[in-house]
Amino acid sequence: MKLRNFGLAETVELQSRVREWAEARFLPEDDDVVMVSELACGQPGCPPLETVIALMRRGRAPVKFKLFKALAEVTETDVKRLGKPGWTMKDEGRGW
């Protein structure tokens, strides 16, 4: 019997690439978490897939950014344009 990964390896690779771009953009510290997910949206008018980047720091509410495109379509430029120019996870408050 041959097992298939159903594209899991490709998805993990894409998530890692986008997470690396997000980490370069938002400069998390060692105990911060940057999570990248691709979600299906079934609501009318919503694109079929969207990419969510969540920035999580202990003691702070998560900051989430949505890109209304599939994970494979996200570019480094898309990630660089997220949030206020110059804002990083090291900044205090919700100035994103």
PDB file of N, CA and C in Angstrom:
ATOM      1  N   MET A   1       0.851  -1.181   0.000  1.00  0.00           N
ATOM      2  CA  MET A   1       0.000   0.000   0.000  1.00  0.00           C
ATOM      3  C   MET A   1       0.894   1.240   0.000  1.00  0.00           C
ATOM      4  N   LYS A   2       0.583   2.184  -0.852  1.00  0.00           N
ATOM      5  CA  LYS A   2       1.355   3.414  -0.950  1.00  0.00           C
ATOM      6  C   LYS A   2       0.565   4.561  -0.323  1.00  0.00           C
ATOM      7  N   LEU A   3       1.183   5.256   0.608  1.00  0.00           N
ATOM      8  CA  LEU A   3       0.530   6.386   1.267  1.00  0.00           C
ATOM      9  C   LEU A   3       0.820   7.668   0.505  1.00  0.00           C
ATOM     10  N   ARG A   4      -0.133   8.560   0.502  1.00  0.00           N
ATOM     11  CA  ARG A   4       0.039   9.856  -0.136  1.00  0.00           C
ATOM     12  C   ARG A   4      -0.065  10.943   0.928  1.00  0.00           C
ATOM     13  N   ASN A   5       0.649  12.044   0.701  1.00  0.00           N
ATOM     14  CA  ASN A   5       0.575  13.124   1.692  1.00  0.00           C
ATOM     15  C   ASN A   5      -0.466  14.174   1.326  1.00  0.00           C
ATOM     16  N   PHE A   6      -1.150  14.007   0.173  1.00  0.00           N
ATOM     17  CA  PHE A   6      -2.221  14.909  -0.247  1.00  0.00           C
ATOM     18  C   PHE A   6      -1.796  16.370  -0.241  1.00  0.00           C
ATOM     19  N   GLY A   7      -0.549  16.634  -0.638  1.00  0.00           N
ATOM     20  CA  GLY A   7      -0.065  18.005  -0.732  1.00  0.00           C
ATOM     21  C   GLY A   7       0.407  18.599   0.577  1.00  0.00           C
ATOM     22  N   LEU A   8       0.452  17.817   1.628  1.00  0.00           N
ATOM     23  CA  LEU A   8       0.842  18.350   2.937  1.00  0.00           C
ATOM     24  C   LEU A   8       2.248  18.930   2.906  1.00  0.00           C
ATOM     25  N   ALA A   9       3.191  18.236   2.273  1.00  0.00           N
ATOM     26  CA  ALA A   9       4.575  18.734   2.231  1.00  0.00           C
ATOM     27  C   ALA A   9       4.638  20.084   1.528  1.00  0.00           C
ATOM     28  N   GLU A  10       3.893  20.238   0.447  1.00  0.00           N
ATOM     29  CA  GLU A  10       3.875  21.513  -0.271  1.00  0.00           C
ATOM     30  C   GLU A  10       3.265  22.617   0.599  1.00  0.00           C
ATOM     31  N   THR A  11       2.189  22.295   1.301  1.00  0.00           N
ATOM     32  CA  THR A  11       1.547  23.286   2.175  1.00  0.00           C
ATOM     33  C   THR A  11       2.494  23.720   3.285  1.00  0.00           C
ATOM     34  N   VAL A  12       3.177  22.775   3.900  1.00  0.00           N
ATOM     35  CA  VAL A  12       4.126  23.099   4.971  1.00  0.00           C
ATOM     36  C   VAL A  12       5.245  23.986   4.425  1.00  0.00           C
ATOM     37  N   GLU A  13       5.720  23.684   3.227  1.00  0.00           N
ATOM     38  CA  GLU A  13       6.762  24.500   2.605  1.00  0.00           C
ATOM     39  C   GLU A  13       6.273  25.922   2.356  1.00  0.00           C
ATOM     40  N   LEU A  14       5.048  26.065   1.848  1.00  0.00           N
ATOM     41  CA  LEU A  14       4.486  27.397   1.604  1.00  0.00           C
ATOM     42  C   LEU A  14       4.294  28.154   2.919  1.00  0.00           C
ATOM     43  N   GLN A  15       3.782  27.468   3.945  1.00  0.00           N
ATOM     44  CA  GLN A  15       3.600  28.111   5.248  1.00  0.00           C
ATOM     45  C   GLN A  15       4.935  28.576   5.807  1.00  0.00           C
ATOM     46  N   SER A  16       5.948  27.757   5.684  1.00  0.00           N
ATOM     47  CA  SER A  16       7.274  28.125   6.192  1.00  0.00           C
ATOM     48  C   SER A  16       7.818  29.347   5.469  1.00  0.00           C
ATOM     49  N   ARG A  17       7.638  29.380   4.156  1.00  0.00           N
ATOM     50  CA  ARG A  17       8.127  30.521   3.374  1.00  0.00           C
ATOM     51  C   ARG A  17       7.426  31.808   3.805  1.00  0.00           C
ATOM     52  N   VAL A  18       6.104  31.779   3.924  1.00  0.00           N
ATOM     53  CA  VAL A  18       5.356  32.973   4.316  1.00  0.00           C
ATOM     54  C   VAL A  18       5.682  33.353   5.757  1.00  0.00           C
ATOM     55  N   ARG A  19       5.857  32.355   6.638  1.00  0.00           N
ATOM     56  CA  ARG A  19       6.227  32.653   8.030  1.00  0.00           C
ATOM     57  C   ARG A  19       7.594  33.324   8.092  1.00  0.00           C
ATOM     58  N   GLU A  20       8.546  32.876   7.288  1.00  0.00           N
ATOM     59  CA  GLU A  20       9.864  33.520   7.256  1.00  0.00           C
ATOM     60  C   GLU A  20       9.742  34.978   6.824  1.00  0.00           C
ATOM     61  N   TRP A  21       8.921  35.258   5.831  1.00  0.00           N
ATOM     62  CA  TRP A  21       8.707  36.647   5.403  1.00  0.00           C
ATOM     63  C   TRP A  21       8.073  37.457   6.531  1.00  0.00           C
ATOM     64  N   ALA A  22       7.090  36.859   7.231  1.00  0.00           N
ATOM     65  CA  ALA A  22       6.421  37.561   8.333  1.00  0.00           C
ATOM     66  C   ALA A  22       7.395  37.811   9.483  1.00  0.00           C
ATOM     67  N   GLU A  23       8.250  36.850   9.766  1.00  0.00           N
ATOM     68  CA  GLU A  23       9.241  37.043  10.837  1.00  0.00           C
ATOM     69  C   GLU A  23      10.231  38.141  10.464  1.00  0.00           C
ATOM     70  N   ALA A  24      10.632  38.208   9.209  1.00  0.00           N
ATOM     71  CA  ALA A  24      11.528  39.287   8.767  1.00  0.00           C
ATOM     72  C   ALA A  24      10.821  40.635   8.841  1.00  0.00           C
ATOM     73  N   ARG A  25       9.524  40.657   8.572  1.00  0.00           N
ATOM     74  CA  ARG A  25       8.757  41.912   8.591  1.00  0.00           C
ATOM     75  C   ARG A  25       8.456  42.379  10.015  1.00  0.00           C
ATOM     76  N   PHE A  26       8.063  41.449  10.906  1.00  0.00           N
ATOM     77  CA  PHE A  26       7.556  41.834  12.222  1.00  0.00           C
ATOM     78  C   PHE A  26       8.540  41.612  13.371  1.00  0.00           C
ATOM     79  N   LEU A  27       9.682  40.985  13.130  1.00  0.00           N
ATOM     80  CA  LEU A  27      10.764  40.828  14.105  1.00  0.00           C
ATOM     81  C   LEU A  27      10.309  40.270  15.461  1.00  0.00           C
ATOM     82  N   PRO A  28       9.749  39.068  15.473  1.00  0.00           N
ATOM     83  CA  PRO A  28       9.337  38.486  16.757  1.00  0.00           C
ATOM     84  C   PRO A  28      10.548  38.155  17.621  1.00  0.00           C
ATOM     85  N   GLU A  29      10.310  38.131  18.936  1.00  0.00           N
ATOM     86  CA  GLU A  29      11.347  37.695  19.864  1.00  0.00           C
ATOM     87  C   GLU A  29      11.242  36.183  20.030  1.00  0.00           C
ATOM     88  N   ASP A  30      12.169  35.596  20.754  1.00  0.00           N
ATOM     89  CA  ASP A  30      12.253  34.138  20.857  1.00  0.00           C
ATOM     90  C   ASP A  30      10.967  33.476  21.346  1.00  0.00           C
ATOM     91  N   ASP A  31      10.249  34.099  22.282  1.00  0.00           N
ATOM     92  CA  ASP A  31       9.046  33.466  22.811  1.00  0.00           C
ATOM     93  C   ASP A  31       7.768  33.919  22.118  1.00  0.00           C
ATOM     94  N   ASP A  32       7.876  34.724  21.062  1.00  0.00           N
ATOM     95  CA  ASP A  32       6.715  35.116  20.266  1.00  0.00           C
ATOM     96  C   ASP A  32       6.380  34.017  19.264  1.00  0.00           C
ATOM     97  N   VAL A  33       5.140  34.009  18.802  1.00  0.00           N
ATOM     98  CA  VAL A  33       4.694  33.008  17.836  1.00  0.00           C
ATOM     99  C   VAL A  33       4.145  33.712  16.602  1.00  0.00           C
ATOM    100  N   VAL A  34       4.584  33.246  15.442  1.00  0.00           N
ATOM    101  CA  VAL A  34       4.040  33.706  14.163  1.00  0.00           C
ATOM    102  C   VAL A  34       3.416  32.478  13.515  1.00  0.00           C
ATOM    103  N   MET A  35       2.111  32.542  13.269  1.00  0.00           N
ATOM    104  CA  MET A  35       1.389  31.407  12.716  1.00  0.00           C
ATOM    105  C   MET A  35       0.791  31.795  11.366  1.00  0.00           C
ATOM    106  N   VAL A  36       0.911  30.900  10.402  1.00  0.00           N
ATOM    107  CA  VAL A  36       0.376  31.127   9.066  1.00  0.00           C
ATOM    108  C   VAL A  36      -0.593  29.997   8.749  1.00  0.00           C
ATOM    109  N   SER A  37      -1.804  30.363   8.309  1.00  0.00           N
ATOM    110  CA  SER A  37      -2.823  29.368   7.977  1.00  0.00           C
ATOM    111  C   SER A  37      -3.518  29.758   6.684  1.00  0.00           C
ATOM    112  N   GLU A  38      -3.952  28.756   5.954  1.00  0.00           N
ATOM    113  CA  GLU A  38      -4.804  28.972   4.790  1.00  0.00           C
ATOM    114  C   GLU A  38      -6.182  28.450   5.159  1.00  0.00           C
ATOM    115  N   LEU A  39      -7.190  29.287   4.994  1.00  0.00           N
ATOM    116  CA  LEU A  39      -8.549  28.930   5.391  1.00  0.00           C
ATOM    117  C   LEU A  39      -9.489  29.006   4.196  1.00  0.00           C
ATOM    118  N   ALA A  40     -10.442  28.092   4.168  1.00  0.00           N
ATOM    119  CA  ALA A  40     -11.495  28.138   3.159  1.00  0.00           C
ATOM    120  C   ALA A  40     -12.613  29.025   3.685  1.00  0.00           C
ATOM    121  N   CYS A  41     -13.185  29.813   2.796  1.00  0.00           N
ATOM    122  CA  CYS A  41     -14.288  30.691   3.187  1.00  0.00           C
ATOM    123  C   CYS A  41     -15.505  30.337   2.343  1.00  0.00           C
ATOM    124  N   GLY A  42     -16.597  29.992   2.984  1.00  0.00           N
ATOM    125  CA  GLY A  42     -17.809  29.608   2.270  1.00  0.00           C
ATOM    126  C   GLY A  42     -18.876  30.685   2.249  1.00  0.00           C
ATOM    127  N   GLN A  43     -18.560  31.874   2.732  1.00  0.00           N
ATOM    128  CA  GLN A  43     -19.548  32.947   2.776  1.00  0.00           C
ATOM    129  C   GLN A  43     -19.651  33.626   1.410  1.00  0.00           C
ATOM    130  N   PRO A  44     -20.837  34.088   1.051  1.00  0.00           N
ATOM    131  CA  PRO A  44     -21.006  34.773  -0.238  1.00  0.00           C
ATOM    132  C   PRO A  44     -20.087  35.989  -0.343  1.00  0.00           C
ATOM    133  N   GLY A  45     -19.457  36.158  -1.497  1.00  0.00           N
ATOM    134  CA  GLY A  45     -18.591  37.304  -1.737  1.00  0.00           C
ATOM    135  C   GLY A  45     -17.186  37.150  -1.192  1.00  0.00           C
ATOM    136  N   CYS A  46     -16.941  36.086  -0.488  1.00  0.00           N
ATOM    137  CA  CYS A  46     -15.630  35.836   0.112  1.00  0.00           C
ATOM    138  C   CYS A  46     -14.804  35.013  -0.877  1.00  0.00           C
ATOM    139  N   PRO A  47     -13.496  35.307  -1.013  1.00  0.00           N
ATOM    140  CA  PRO A  47     -12.684  34.470  -1.893  1.00  0.00           C
ATOM    141  C   PRO A  47     -12.651  33.035  -1.364  1.00  0.00           C
ATOM    142  N   PRO A  48     -12.488  32.051  -2.238  1.00  0.00           N
ATOM    143  CA  PRO A  48     -12.548  30.660  -1.777  1.00  0.00           C
ATOM    144  C   PRO A  48     -11.479  30.311  -0.742  1.00  0.00           C
ATOM    145  N   LEU A  49     -10.308  30.933  -0.847  1.00  0.00           N
ATOM    146  CA  LEU A  49      -9.233  30.692   0.121  1.00  0.00           C
ATOM    147  C   LEU A  49      -8.649  32.014   0.575  1.00  0.00           C
ATOM    148  N   GLU A  50      -8.269  32.071   1.839  1.00  0.00           N
ATOM    149  CA  GLU A  50      -7.583  33.248   2.358  1.00  0.00           C
ATOM    150  C   GLU A  50      -6.435  32.785   3.249  1.00  0.00           C
ATOM    151  N   THR A  51      -5.418  33.625   3.327  1.00  0.00           N
ATOM    152  CA  THR A  51      -4.259  33.335   4.167  1.00  0.00           C
ATOM    153  C   THR A  51      -4.306  34.246   5.378  1.00  0.00           C
ATOM    154  N   VAL A  52      -4.126  33.672   6.553  1.00  0.00           N
ATOM    155  CA  VAL A  52      -4.149  34.429   7.803  1.00  0.00           C
ATOM    156  C   VAL A  52      -2.770  34.331   8.447  1.00  0.00           C
ATOM    157  N   ILE A  53      -2.246  35.490   8.832  1.00  0.00           N
ATOM    158  CA  ILE A  53      -0.988  35.543   9.581  1.00  0.00           C
ATOM    159  C   ILE A  53      -1.331  36.076  10.966  1.00  0.00           C
ATOM    160  N   ALA A  54      -1.052  35.268  11.989  1.00  0.00           N
ATOM    161  CA  ALA A  54      -1.340  35.659  13.373  1.00  0.00           C
ATOM    162  C   ALA A  54      -0.024  35.873  14.109  1.00  0.00           C
ATOM    163  N   LEU A  55       0.064  37.006  14.795  1.00  0.00           N
ATOM    164  CA  LEU A  55       1.236  37.353  15.599  1.00  0.00           C
ATOM    165  C   LEU A  55       0.823  37.286  17.058  1.00  0.00           C
ATOM    166  N   MET A  56       1.507  36.450  17.837  1.00  0.00           N
ATOM    167  CA  MET A  56       1.107  36.248  19.225  1.00  0.00           C
ATOM    168  C   MET A  56       2.270  36.483  20.172  1.00  0.00           C
ATOM    169  N   ARG A  57       2.014  37.340  21.152  1.00  0.00           N
ATOM    170  CA  ARG A  57       2.976  37.623  22.227  1.00  0.00           C
ATOM    171  C   ARG A  57       2.299  37.353  23.551  1.00  0.00           C
ATOM    172  N   ARG A  58       3.054  36.837  24.477  1.00  0.00           N
ATOM    173  CA  ARG A  58       2.516  36.569  25.809  1.00  0.00           C
ATOM    174  C   ARG A  58       1.980  37.861  26.426  1.00  0.00           C
ATOM    175  N   GLY A  59       0.785  37.787  26.987  1.00  0.00           N
ATOM    176  CA  GLY A  59       0.193  38.922  27.677  1.00  0.00           C
ATOM    177  C   GLY A  59      -0.423  39.968  26.759  1.00  0.00           C
ATOM    178  N   ARG A  60      -0.469  39.704  25.474  1.00  0.00           N
ATOM    179  CA  ARG A  60      -1.074  40.654  24.537  1.00  0.00           C
ATOM    180  C   ARG A  60      -2.089  39.920  23.658  1.00  0.00           C
ATOM    181  N   ALA A  61      -3.072  40.651  23.204  1.00  0.00           N
ATOM    182  CA  ALA A  61      -4.037  40.067  22.282  1.00  0.00           C
ATOM    183  C   ALA A  61      -3.335  39.771  20.957  1.00  0.00           C
ATOM    184  N   PRO A  62      -3.694  38.669  20.303  1.00  0.00           N
ATOM    185  CA  PRO A  62      -3.075  38.368  19.011  1.00  0.00           C
ATOM    186  C   PRO A  62      -3.410  39.441  17.979  1.00  0.00           C
ATOM    187  N   VAL A  63      -2.506  39.659  17.066  1.00  0.00           N
ATOM    188  CA  VAL A  63      -2.723  40.542  15.932  1.00  0.00           C
ATOM    189  C   VAL A  63      -2.856  39.634  14.717  1.00  0.00           C
ATOM    190  N   LYS A  64      -3.952  39.789  13.974  1.00  0.00           N
ATOM    191  CA  LYS A  64      -4.185  38.928  12.812  1.00  0.00           C
ATOM    192  C   LYS A  64      -4.314  39.777  11.557  1.00  0.00           C
ATOM    193  N   PHE A  65      -3.688  39.293  10.513  1.00  0.00           N
ATOM    194  CA  PHE A  65      -3.787  39.919   9.202  1.00  0.00           C
ATOM    195  C   PHE A  65      -4.342  38.889   8.235  1.00  0.00           C
ATOM    196  N   LYS A  66      -5.272  39.312   7.368  1.00  0.00           N
ATOM    197  CA  LYS A  66      -5.828  38.430   6.353  1.00  0.00           C
ATOM    198  C   LYS A  66      -5.398  38.908   4.982  1.00  0.00           C
ATOM    199  N   LEU A  67      -4.974  37.959   4.178  1.00  0.00           N
ATOM    200  CA  LEU A  67      -4.683  38.210   2.770  1.00  0.00           C
ATOM    201  C   LEU A  67      -5.717  37.402   1.989  1.00  0.00           C
ATOM    202  N   PHE A  68      -6.495  38.059   1.188  1.00  0.00           N
ATOM    203  CA  PHE A  68      -7.603  37.397   0.510  1.00  0.00           C
ATOM    204  C   PHE A  68      -7.136  36.704  -0.763  1.00  0.00           C
ATOM    205  N   LYS A  69      -6.241  35.745  -0.539  1.00  0.00           N
ATOM    206  CA  LYS A  69      -5.713  34.924  -1.621  1.00  0.00           C
ATOM    207  C   LYS A  69      -5.171  33.640  -1.032  1.00  0.00           C
ATOM    208  N   ALA A  70      -5.013  32.641  -1.882  1.00  0.00           N
ATOM    209  CA  ALA A  70      -4.483  31.352  -1.453  1.00  0.00           C
ATOM    210  C   ALA A  70      -3.036  31.501  -1.002  1.00  0.00           C
ATOM    211  N   LEU A  71      -2.613  30.627  -0.145  1.00  0.00           N
ATOM    212  CA  LEU A  71      -1.257  30.625   0.391  1.00  0.00           C
ATOM    213  C   LEU A  71      -0.216  30.626  -0.722  1.00  0.00           C
ATOM    214  N   ALA A  72      -0.450  29.849  -1.772  1.00  0.00           N
ATOM    215  CA  ALA A  72       0.501  29.757  -2.884  1.00  0.00           C
ATOM    216  C   ALA A  72       0.623  31.060  -3.670  1.00  0.00           C
ATOM    217  N   GLU A  73      -0.355  31.948  -3.533  1.00  0.00           N
ATOM    218  CA  GLU A  73      -0.349  33.216  -4.266  1.00  0.00           C
ATOM    219  C   GLU A  73       0.244  34.371  -3.469  1.00  0.00           C
ATOM    220  N   VAL A  74       0.491  34.175  -2.181  1.00  0.00           N
ATOM    221  CA  VAL A  74       1.032  35.229  -1.321  1.00  0.00           C
ATOM    222  C   VAL A  74       2.480  35.501  -1.711  1.00  0.00           C
ATOM    223  N   THR A  75       2.808  36.793  -1.827  1.00  0.00           N
ATOM    224  CA  THR A  75       4.178  37.184  -2.172  1.00  0.00           C
ATOM    225  C   THR A  75       4.842  37.861  -0.976  1.00  0.00           C
ATOM    226  N   GLU A  76       6.151  37.980  -1.060  1.00  0.00           N
ATOM    227  CA  GLU A  76       6.888  38.682  -0.010  1.00  0.00           C
ATOM    228  C   GLU A  76       6.430  40.129   0.086  1.00  0.00           C
ATOM    229  N   THR A  77       6.123  40.736  -1.044  1.00  0.00           N
ATOM    230  CA  THR A  77       5.628  42.120  -1.055  1.00  0.00           C
ATOM    231  C   THR A  77       4.303  42.225  -0.318  1.00  0.00           C
ATOM    232  N   ASP A  78       3.413  41.248  -0.484  1.00  0.00           N
ATOM    233  CA  ASP A  78       2.139  41.251   0.257  1.00  0.00           C
ATOM    234  C   ASP A  78       2.404  41.320   1.754  1.00  0.00           C
ATOM    235  N   VAL A  79       3.340  40.511   2.224  1.00  0.00           N
ATOM    236  CA  VAL A  79       3.631  40.453   3.664  1.00  0.00           C
ATOM    237  C   VAL A  79       4.298  41.746   4.124  1.00  0.00           C
ATOM    238  N   LYS A  80       5.204  42.286   3.334  1.00  0.00           N
ATOM    239  CA  LYS A  80       5.886  43.536   3.713  1.00  0.00           C
ATOM    240  C   LYS A  80       4.910  44.694   3.857  1.00  0.00           C
ATOM    241  N   ARG A  81       3.797  44.653   3.153  1.00  0.00           N
ATOM    242  CA  ARG A  81       2.811  45.750   3.184  1.00  0.00           C
ATOM    243  C   ARG A  81       1.825  45.650   4.347  1.00  0.00           C
ATOM    244  N   LEU A  82       1.885  44.591   5.122  1.00  0.00           N
ATOM    245  CA  LEU A  82       0.941  44.422   6.235  1.00  0.00           C
ATOM    246  C   LEU A  82       1.269  45.377   7.381  1.00  0.00           C
ATOM    247  N   GLY A  83       0.247  45.883   8.031  1.00  0.00           N
ATOM    248  CA  GLY A  83       0.429  46.729   9.210  1.00  0.00           C
ATOM    249  C   GLY A  83       0.956  48.110   8.874  1.00  0.00           C
ATOM    250  N   LYS A  84       1.130  48.886   9.928  1.00  0.00           N
ATOM    251  CA  LYS A  84       1.701  50.225   9.771  1.00  0.00           C
ATOM    252  C   LYS A  84       3.159  50.114   9.358  1.00  0.00           C
ATOM    253  N   PRO A  85       3.614  50.976   8.471  1.00  0.00           N
ATOM    254  CA  PRO A  85       5.032  50.941   8.096  1.00  0.00           C
ATOM    255  C   PRO A  85       5.923  51.084   9.337  1.00  0.00           C
ATOM    256  N   GLY A  86       6.894  50.199   9.452  1.00  0.00           N
ATOM    257  CA  GLY A  86       7.842  50.273  10.556  1.00  0.00           C
ATOM    258  C   GLY A  86       7.411  49.588  11.836  1.00  0.00           C
ATOM    259  N   TRP A  87       6.124  49.209  11.964  1.00  0.00           N
ATOM    260  CA  TRP A  87       5.668  48.551  13.192  1.00  0.00           C
ATOM    261  C   TRP A  87       6.199  47.134  13.246  1.00  0.00           C
ATOM    262  N   THR A  88       6.709  46.725  14.423  1.00  0.00           N
ATOM    263  CA  THR A  88       7.157  45.346  14.630  1.00  0.00           C
ATOM    264  C   THR A  88       6.533  44.812  15.912  1.00  0.00           C
ATOM    265  N   MET A  89       6.733  43.538  16.168  1.00  0.00           N
ATOM    266  CA  MET A  89       6.205  42.925  17.382  1.00  0.00           C
ATOM    267  C   MET A  89       6.898  43.455  18.630  1.00  0.00           C
ATOM    268  N   LYS A  90       8.023  44.094  18.471  1.00  0.00           N
ATOM    269  CA  LYS A  90       8.743  44.652  19.621  1.00  0.00           C
ATOM    270  C   LYS A  90       8.115  45.946  20.124  1.00  0.00           C
ATOM    271  N   ASP A  91       7.292  46.578  19.267  1.00  0.00           N
ATOM    272  CA  ASP A  91       6.643  47.821  19.658  1.00  0.00           C
ATOM    273  C   ASP A  91       5.549  47.537  20.681  1.00  0.00           C
ATOM    274  N   GLU A  92       5.428  48.389  21.651  1.00  0.00           N
ATOM    275  CA  GLU A  92       4.387  48.239  22.665  1.00  0.00           C
ATOM    276  C   GLU A  92       3.070  48.764  22.127  1.00  0.00           C
ATOM    277  N   GLY A  93       1.983  48.289  22.709  1.00  0.00           N
ATOM    278  CA  GLY A  93       0.676  48.757  22.297  1.00  0.00           C
ATOM    279  C   GLY A  93       0.227  48.092  20.989  1.00  0.00           C
ATOM    280  N   ARG A  94      -0.901  48.526  20.482  1.00  0.00           N
ATOM    281  CA  ARG A  94      -1.474  47.935  19.275  1.00  0.00           C
ATOM    282  C   ARG A  94      -1.289  48.874  18.082  1.00  0.00           C
ATOM    283  N   GLY A  95      -0.110  49.402  17.924  1.00  0.00           N
ATOM    284  CA  GLY A  95       0.134  50.364  16.856  1.00  0.00           C
ATOM    285  C   GLY A  95       0.300  49.755  15.482  1.00  0.00           C
ATOM    286  N   TRP A  96      -0.223  48.583  15.290  1.00  0.00           N
ATOM    287  CA  TRP A  96      -0.046  47.913  14.019  1.00  0.00           C
ATOM    288  C   TRP A  96      -0.913  48.512  12.965  1.00  0.00           C
TER     289      TRP A  96
END
